[in-house]
Amino acid sequence: MTETPTEAVTFNKDIKPLFRESDRTAMKGAFDLWSYDDVRAHADAIASHLRDGSMPCDGAWPFERVALFNRWLADGAPA
């Protein structure tokens, strides 16, 4: 059986759309969730907060979204 390659997870296509305008506004004092450079620079901390459910502040993401963010990070966080 041949494994089908999975499509690459990228910031612009997959990760940025996960963050709502309200998430961006809430974090704007620290960094911009719609900026690849900012999210990449803070990716480990963001991932930690996503995993423990403390981000976003109005309720934890479903497992699938957290897994997608973690996959993006594990794949080298492509733009």
PDB file of N, CA and C in Angstrom:
ATOM      1  N   MET A   1       0.843  -1.177   0.000  1.00  0.00           N
ATOM      2  CA  MET A   1       0.000   0.000   0.000  1.00  0.00           C
ATOM      3  C   MET A   1       0.891   1.244   0.000  1.00  0.00           C
ATOM      4  N   THR A   2       0.555   2.205  -0.840  1.00  0.00           N
ATOM      5  CA  THR A   2       1.304   3.442  -0.949  1.00  0.00           C
ATOM      6  C   THR A   2       0.615   4.521  -0.139  1.00  0.00           C
ATOM      7  N   GLU A   3       1.412   5.223   0.643  1.00  0.00           N
ATOM      8  CA  GLU A   3       0.857   6.301   1.452  1.00  0.00           C
ATOM      9  C   GLU A   3       0.702   7.548   0.593  1.00  0.00           C
ATOM     10  N   THR A   4      -0.442   8.195   0.684  1.00  0.00           N
ATOM     11  CA  THR A   4      -0.689   9.426  -0.049  1.00  0.00           C
ATOM     12  C   THR A   4      -0.009  10.571   0.683  1.00  0.00           C
ATOM     13  N   PRO A   5       0.803  11.355  -0.044  1.00  0.00           N
ATOM     14  CA  PRO A   5       1.454  12.483   0.629  1.00  0.00           C
ATOM     15  C   PRO A   5       0.410  13.503   1.080  1.00  0.00           C
ATOM     16  N   THR A   6       0.662  14.092   2.234  1.00  0.00           N
ATOM     17  CA  THR A   6      -0.255  15.104   2.733  1.00  0.00           C
ATOM     18  C   THR A   6       0.206  16.475   2.264  1.00  0.00           C
ATOM     19  N   GLU A   7      -0.752  17.343   2.062  1.00  0.00           N
ATOM     20  CA  GLU A   7      -0.440  18.698   1.628  1.00  0.00           C
ATOM     21  C   GLU A   7       0.234  19.447   2.764  1.00  0.00           C
ATOM     22  N   ALA A   8       1.202  20.262   2.426  1.00  0.00           N
ATOM     23  CA  ALA A   8       1.930  21.032   3.430  1.00  0.00           C
ATOM     24  C   ALA A   8       1.001  22.014   4.136  1.00  0.00           C
ATOM     25  N   VAL A   9       1.196  22.153   5.429  1.00  0.00           N
ATOM     26  CA  VAL A   9       0.475  23.142   6.221  1.00  0.00           C
ATOM     27  C   VAL A   9       1.307  24.412   6.197  1.00  0.00           C
ATOM     28  N   THR A  10       0.687  25.523   5.767  1.00  0.00           N
ATOM     29  CA  THR A  10       1.406  26.794   5.709  1.00  0.00           C
ATOM     30  C   THR A  10       0.689  27.833   6.562  1.00  0.00           C
ATOM     31  N   PHE A  11       1.438  28.842   6.956  1.00  0.00           N
ATOM     32  CA  PHE A  11       0.865  29.896   7.785  1.00  0.00           C
ATOM     33  C   PHE A  11      -0.273  30.610   7.063  1.00  0.00           C
ATOM     34  N   ASN A  12       0.011  31.100   5.852  1.00  0.00           N
ATOM     35  CA  ASN A  12      -0.983  31.914   5.155  1.00  0.00           C
ATOM     36  C   ASN A  12      -2.244  31.143   4.802  1.00  0.00           C
ATOM     37  N   LYS A  13      -2.105  29.902   4.422  1.00  0.00           N
ATOM     38  CA  LYS A  13      -3.255  29.102   3.986  1.00  0.00           C
ATOM     39  C   LYS A  13      -4.008  28.471   5.151  1.00  0.00           C
ATOM     40  N   ASP A  14      -3.293  27.995   6.158  1.00  0.00           N
ATOM     41  CA  ASP A  14      -3.912  27.168   7.188  1.00  0.00           C
ATOM     42  C   ASP A  14      -3.924  27.758   8.593  1.00  0.00           C
ATOM     43  N   ILE A  15      -2.872  28.436   8.993  1.00  0.00           N
ATOM     44  CA  ILE A  15      -2.736  28.877  10.385  1.00  0.00           C
ATOM     45  C   ILE A  15      -3.342  30.250  10.624  1.00  0.00           C
ATOM     46  N   LYS A  16      -2.998  31.221   9.812  1.00  0.00           N
ATOM     47  CA  LYS A  16      -3.535  32.573   9.993  1.00  0.00           C
ATOM     48  C   LYS A  16      -5.062  32.575  10.057  1.00  0.00           C
ATOM     49  N   PRO A  17      -5.766  31.833   9.179  1.00  0.00           N
ATOM     50  CA  PRO A  17      -7.236  31.854   9.247  1.00  0.00           C
ATOM     51  C   PRO A  17      -7.827  31.277  10.543  1.00  0.00           C
ATOM     52  N   LEU A  18      -7.038  30.549  11.314  1.00  0.00           N
ATOM     53  CA  LEU A  18      -7.527  30.012  12.587  1.00  0.00           C
ATOM     54  C   LEU A  18      -7.727  31.110  13.624  1.00  0.00           C
ATOM     55  N   PHE A  19      -6.961  32.190  13.492  1.00  0.00           N
ATOM     56  CA  PHE A  19      -7.022  33.282  14.451  1.00  0.00           C
ATOM     57  C   PHE A  19      -8.059  34.309  14.006  1.00  0.00           C
ATOM     58  N   ARG A  20      -9.044  34.531  14.854  1.00  0.00           N
ATOM     59  CA  ARG A  20     -10.107  35.484  14.566  1.00  0.00           C
ATOM     60  C   ARG A  20      -9.635  36.912  14.842  1.00  0.00           C
ATOM     61  N   GLU A  21     -10.372  37.866  14.340  1.00  0.00           N
ATOM     62  CA  GLU A  21     -10.058  39.273  14.594  1.00  0.00           C
ATOM     63  C   GLU A  21     -10.024  39.542  16.100  1.00  0.00           C
ATOM     64  N   SER A  22     -10.943  38.940  16.853  1.00  0.00           N
ATOM     65  CA  SER A  22     -10.962  39.152  18.308  1.00  0.00           C
ATOM     66  C   SER A  22      -9.718  38.566  18.979  1.00  0.00           C
ATOM     67  N   ASP A  23      -9.197  37.444  18.462  1.00  0.00           N
ATOM     68  CA  ASP A  23      -7.949  36.874  18.988  1.00  0.00           C
ATOM     69  C   ASP A  23      -6.797  37.835  18.722  1.00  0.00           C
ATOM     70  N   ARG A  24      -6.774  38.352  17.502  1.00  0.00           N
ATOM     71  CA  ARG A  24      -5.709  39.277  17.117  1.00  0.00           C
ATOM     72  C   ARG A  24      -5.738  40.516  18.004  1.00  0.00           C
ATOM     73  N   THR A  25      -6.928  41.075  18.212  1.00  0.00           N
ATOM     74  CA  THR A  25      -7.074  42.271  19.033  1.00  0.00           C
ATOM     75  C   THR A  25      -6.624  42.005  20.469  1.00  0.00           C
ATOM     76  N   ALA A  26      -7.002  40.849  21.011  1.00  0.00           N
ATOM     77  CA  ALA A  26      -6.651  40.510  22.390  1.00  0.00           C
ATOM     78  C   ALA A  26      -5.140  40.409  22.591  1.00  0.00           C
ATOM     79  N   MET A  27      -4.424  39.978  21.570  1.00  0.00           N
ATOM     80  CA  MET A  27      -2.979  39.760  21.698  1.00  0.00           C
ATOM     81  C   MET A  27      -2.133  40.896  21.124  1.00  0.00           C
ATOM     82  N   LYS A  28      -2.772  41.891  20.526  1.00  0.00           N
ATOM     83  CA  LYS A  28      -2.062  42.938  19.796  1.00  0.00           C
ATOM     84  C   LYS A  28      -0.996  43.640  20.642  1.00  0.00           C
ATOM     85  N   GLY A  29      -1.192  43.753  21.947  1.00  0.00           N
ATOM     86  CA  GLY A  29      -0.192  44.397  22.798  1.00  0.00           C
ATOM     87  C   GLY A  29       1.111  43.619  22.895  1.00  0.00           C
ATOM     88  N   ALA A  30       1.042  42.315  22.681  1.00  0.00           N
ATOM     89  CA  ALA A  30       2.235  41.464  22.775  1.00  0.00           C
ATOM     90  C   ALA A  30       2.827  41.163  21.390  1.00  0.00           C
ATOM     91  N   PHE A  31       1.961  40.769  20.462  1.00  0.00           N
ATOM     92  CA  PHE A  31       2.375  40.464  19.092  1.00  0.00           C
ATOM     93  C   PHE A  31       1.138  40.335  18.226  1.00  0.00           C
ATOM     94  N   ASP A  32       1.358  40.253  16.916  1.00  0.00           N
ATOM     95  CA  ASP A  32       0.267  40.212  15.944  1.00  0.00           C
ATOM     96  C   ASP A  32       0.051  38.778  15.459  1.00  0.00           C
ATOM     97  N   LEU A  33      -1.112  38.219  15.782  1.00  0.00           N
ATOM     98  CA  LEU A  33      -1.417  36.844  15.382  1.00  0.00           C
ATOM     99  C   LEU A  33      -1.607  36.679  13.883  1.00  0.00           C
ATOM    100  N   TRP A  34      -1.714  37.761  13.152  1.00  0.00           N
ATOM    101  CA  TRP A  34      -1.839  37.673  11.698  1.00  0.00           C
ATOM    102  C   TRP A  34      -0.506  37.920  11.000  1.00  0.00           C
ATOM    103  N   SER A  35       0.556  38.051  11.769  1.00  0.00           N
ATOM    104  CA  SER A  35       1.899  38.256  11.221  1.00  0.00           C
ATOM    105  C   SER A  35       2.686  36.951  11.315  1.00  0.00           C
ATOM    106  N   TYR A  36       3.141  36.458  10.167  1.00  0.00           N
ATOM    107  CA  TYR A  36       3.937  35.229  10.171  1.00  0.00           C
ATOM    108  C   TYR A  36       5.142  35.373  11.098  1.00  0.00           C
ATOM    109  N   ASP A  37       5.875  36.470  10.966  1.00  0.00           N
ATOM    110  CA  ASP A  37       7.087  36.650  11.772  1.00  0.00           C
ATOM    111  C   ASP A  37       6.782  36.637  13.269  1.00  0.00           C
ATOM    112  N   ASP A  38       5.706  37.303  13.675  1.00  0.00           N
ATOM    113  CA  ASP A  38       5.343  37.335  15.090  1.00  0.00           C
ATOM    114  C   ASP A  38       4.913  35.966  15.599  1.00  0.00           C
ATOM    115  N   VAL A  39       4.059  35.289  14.839  1.00  0.00           N
ATOM    116  CA  VAL A  39       3.589  33.966  15.278  1.00  0.00           C
ATOM    117  C   VAL A  39       4.753  32.988  15.305  1.00  0.00           C
ATOM    118  N   ARG A  40       5.621  33.037  14.318  1.00  0.00           N
ATOM    119  CA  ARG A  40       6.795  32.145  14.290  1.00  0.00           C
ATOM    120  C   ARG A  40       7.690  32.411  15.500  1.00  0.00           C
ATOM    121  N   ALA A  41       7.895  33.664  15.826  1.00  0.00           N
ATOM    122  CA  ALA A  41       8.763  34.021  16.957  1.00  0.00           C
ATOM    123  C   ALA A  41       8.184  33.551  18.291  1.00  0.00           C
ATOM    124  N   HIS A  42       6.870  33.469  18.389  1.00  0.00           N
ATOM    125  CA  HIS A  42       6.209  33.088  19.639  1.00  0.00           C
ATOM    126  C   HIS A  42       5.507  31.729  19.539  1.00  0.00           C
ATOM    127  N   ALA A  43       5.849  30.957  18.513  1.00  0.00           N
ATOM    128  CA  ALA A  43       5.125  29.715  18.213  1.00  0.00           C
ATOM    129  C   ALA A  43       5.142  28.710  19.357  1.00  0.00           C
ATOM    130  N   ASP A  44       6.252  28.548  20.032  1.00  0.00           N
ATOM    131  CA  ASP A  44       6.313  27.573  21.123  1.00  0.00           C
ATOM    132  C   ASP A  44       5.379  27.962  22.263  1.00  0.00           C
ATOM    133  N   ALA A  45       5.371  29.233  22.615  1.00  0.00           N
ATOM    134  CA  ALA A  45       4.482  29.708  23.683  1.00  0.00           C
ATOM    135  C   ALA A  45       3.020  29.606  23.252  1.00  0.00           C
ATOM    136  N   ILE A  46       2.732  29.968  22.006  1.00  0.00           N
ATOM    137  CA  ILE A  46       1.363  29.858  21.498  1.00  0.00           C
ATOM    138  C   ILE A  46       0.914  28.402  21.555  1.00  0.00           C
ATOM    139  N   ALA A  47       1.757  27.496  21.075  1.00  0.00           N
ATOM    140  CA  ALA A  47       1.420  26.063  21.079  1.00  0.00           C
ATOM    141  C   ALA A  47       1.142  25.572  22.499  1.00  0.00           C
ATOM    142  N   SER A  48       1.940  26.007  23.443  1.00  0.00           N
ATOM    143  CA  SER A  48       1.747  25.602  24.830  1.00  0.00           C
ATOM    144  C   SER A  48       0.390  26.069  25.355  1.00  0.00           C
ATOM    145  N   HIS A  49       0.044  27.308  25.064  1.00  0.00           N
ATOM    146  CA  HIS A  49      -1.246  27.848  25.510  1.00  0.00           C
ATOM    147  C   HIS A  49      -2.413  27.188  24.784  1.00  0.00           C
ATOM    148  N   LEU A  50      -2.232  26.865  23.519  1.00  0.00           N
ATOM    149  CA  LEU A  50      -3.289  26.155  22.785  1.00  0.00           C
ATOM    150  C   LEU A  50      -3.508  24.766  23.379  1.00  0.00           C
ATOM    151  N   ARG A  51      -2.405  24.086  23.704  1.00  0.00           N
ATOM    152  CA  ARG A  51      -2.513  22.731  24.259  1.00  0.00           C
ATOM    153  C   ARG A  51      -3.174  22.728  25.630  1.00  0.00           C
ATOM    154  N   ASP A  52      -2.863  23.726  26.465  1.00  0.00           N
ATOM    155  CA  ASP A  52      -3.455  23.717  27.813  1.00  0.00           C
ATOM    156  C   ASP A  52      -4.824  24.389  27.855  1.00  0.00           C
ATOM    157  N   GLY A  53      -5.285  24.906  26.711  1.00  0.00           N
ATOM    158  CA  GLY A  53      -6.625  25.472  26.617  1.00  0.00           C
ATOM    159  C   GLY A  53      -6.766  26.899  27.095  1.00  0.00           C
ATOM    160  N   SER A  54      -5.647  27.551  27.434  1.00  0.00           N
ATOM    161  CA  SER A  54      -5.726  28.922  27.919  1.00  0.00           C
ATOM    162  C   SER A  54      -5.743  29.959  26.790  1.00  0.00           C
ATOM    163  N   MET A  55      -5.622  29.494  25.576  1.00  0.00           N
ATOM    164  CA  MET A  55      -5.679  30.368  24.401  1.00  0.00           C
ATOM    165  C   MET A  55      -6.532  29.678  23.362  1.00  0.00           C
ATOM    166  N   PRO A  56      -7.445  30.376  22.724  1.00  0.00           N
ATOM    167  CA  PRO A  56      -7.831  31.756  22.956  1.00  0.00           C
ATOM    168  C   PRO A  56      -8.543  31.931  24.296  1.00  0.00           C
ATOM    169  N   CYS A  57      -8.641  33.182  24.715  1.00  0.00           N
ATOM    170  CA  CYS A  57      -9.121  33.463  26.070  1.00  0.00           C
ATOM    171  C   CYS A  57     -10.604  33.154  26.274  1.00  0.00           C
ATOM    172  N   ASP A  58     -11.370  33.005  25.204  1.00  0.00           N
ATOM    173  CA  ASP A  58     -12.803  32.737  25.358  1.00  0.00           C
ATOM    174  C   ASP A  58     -13.171  31.265  25.206  1.00  0.00           C
ATOM    175  N   GLY A  59     -12.177  30.388  25.158  1.00  0.00           N
ATOM    176  CA  GLY A  59     -12.459  28.959  25.067  1.00  0.00           C
ATOM    177  C   GLY A  59     -11.415  28.228  24.244  1.00  0.00           C
ATOM    178  N   ALA A  60     -11.126  27.022  24.646  1.00  0.00           N
ATOM    179  CA  ALA A  60     -10.088  26.221  23.996  1.00  0.00           C
ATOM    180  C   ALA A  60     -10.479  25.850  22.566  1.00  0.00           C
ATOM    181  N   TRP A  61      -9.466  25.739  21.721  1.00  0.00           N
ATOM    182  CA  TRP A  61      -9.669  25.238  20.358  1.00  0.00           C
ATOM    183  C   TRP A  61      -9.990  23.753  20.414  1.00  0.00           C
ATOM    184  N   PRO A  62     -10.709  23.248  19.411  1.00  0.00           N
ATOM    185  CA  PRO A  62     -10.893  21.800  19.303  1.00  0.00           C
ATOM    186  C   PRO A  62      -9.547  21.123  19.008  1.00  0.00           C
ATOM    187  N   PHE A  63      -9.465  19.849  19.328  1.00  0.00           N
ATOM    188  CA  PHE A  63      -8.243  19.073  19.146  1.00  0.00           C
ATOM    189  C   PHE A  63      -7.678  19.227  17.729  1.00  0.00           C
ATOM    190  N   GLU A  64      -8.532  19.215  16.717  1.00  0.00           N
ATOM    191  CA  GLU A  64      -8.076  19.264  15.323  1.00  0.00           C
ATOM    192  C   GLU A  64      -7.298  20.545  15.022  1.00  0.00           C
ATOM    193  N   ARG A  65      -7.753  21.657  15.568  1.00  0.00           N
ATOM    194  CA  ARG A  65      -7.050  22.932  15.337  1.00  0.00           C
ATOM    195  C   ARG A  65      -5.697  22.946  16.042  1.00  0.00           C
ATOM    196  N   VAL A  66      -5.674  22.462  17.267  1.00  0.00           N
ATOM    197  CA  VAL A  66      -4.408  22.394  18.008  1.00  0.00           C
ATOM    198  C   VAL A  66      -3.438  21.473  17.267  1.00  0.00           C
ATOM    199  N   ALA A  67      -3.930  20.338  16.793  1.00  0.00           N
ATOM    200  CA  ALA A  67      -3.092  19.389  16.053  1.00  0.00           C
ATOM    201  C   ALA A  67      -2.544  20.023  14.773  1.00  0.00           C
ATOM    202  N   LEU A  68      -3.362  20.810  14.087  1.00  0.00           N
ATOM    203  CA  LEU A  68      -2.914  21.480  12.868  1.00  0.00           C
ATOM    204  C   LEU A  68      -1.796  22.474  13.183  1.00  0.00           C
ATOM    205  N   PHE A  69      -1.964  23.256  14.245  1.00  0.00           N
ATOM    206  CA  PHE A  69      -0.916  24.201  14.635  1.00  0.00           C
ATOM    207  C   PHE A  69       0.360  23.447  14.990  1.00  0.00           C
ATOM    208  N   ASN A  70       0.238  22.371  15.749  1.00  0.00           N
ATOM    209  CA  ASN A  70       1.408  21.575  16.132  1.00  0.00           C
ATOM    210  C   ASN A  70       2.085  20.955  14.913  1.00  0.00           C
ATOM    211  N   ARG A  71       1.299  20.507  13.944  1.00  0.00           N
ATOM    212  CA  ARG A  71       1.868  19.942  12.702  1.00  0.00           C
ATOM    213  C   ARG A  71       2.637  21.006  11.946  1.00  0.00           C
ATOM    214  N   TRP A  72       2.066  22.204  11.855  1.00  0.00           N
ATOM    215  CA  TRP A  72       2.755  23.318  11.187  1.00  0.00           C
ATOM    216  C   TRP A  72       4.089  23.582  11.853  1.00  0.00           C
ATOM    217  N   LEU A  73       4.087  23.610  13.160  1.00  0.00           N
ATOM    218  CA  LEU A  73       5.315  23.857  13.910  1.00  0.00           C
ATOM    219  C   LEU A  73       6.326  22.730  13.698  1.00  0.00           C
ATOM    220  N   ALA A  74       5.866  21.488  13.764  1.00  0.00           N
ATOM    221  CA  ALA A  74       6.757  20.332  13.581  1.00  0.00           C
ATOM    222  C   ALA A  74       7.355  20.287  12.175  1.00  0.00           C
ATOM    223  N   ASP A  75       6.621  20.827  11.208  1.00  0.00           N
ATOM    224  CA  ASP A  75       7.087  20.830   9.817  1.00  0.00           C
ATOM    225  C   ASP A  75       7.997  22.009   9.502  1.00  0.00           C
ATOM    226  N   GLY A  76       8.395  22.751  10.519  1.00  0.00           N
ATOM    227  CA  GLY A  76       9.312  23.873  10.305  1.00  0.00           C
ATOM    228  C   GLY A  76       8.620  25.218  10.145  1.00  0.00           C
ATOM    229  N   ALA A  77       7.322  25.275  10.388  1.00  0.00           N
ATOM    230  CA  ALA A  77       6.533  26.511  10.354  1.00  0.00           C
ATOM    231  C   ALA A  77       6.676  27.267   9.040  1.00  0.00           C
ATOM    232  N   PRO A  78       6.321  26.622   7.914  1.00  0.00           N
ATOM    233  CA  PRO A  78       6.440  27.314   6.626  1.00  0.00           C
ATOM    234  C   PRO A  78       5.440  28.476   6.481  1.00  0.00           C
ATOM    235  N   ALA A  79       5.906  29.496   5.770  1.00  0.00           N
ATOM    236  CA  ALA A  79       5.069  30.671   5.538  1.00  0.00           C
ATOM    237  C   ALA A  79       3.925  30.292   4.617  1.00  0.00           C
TER     238      ALA A  79
END
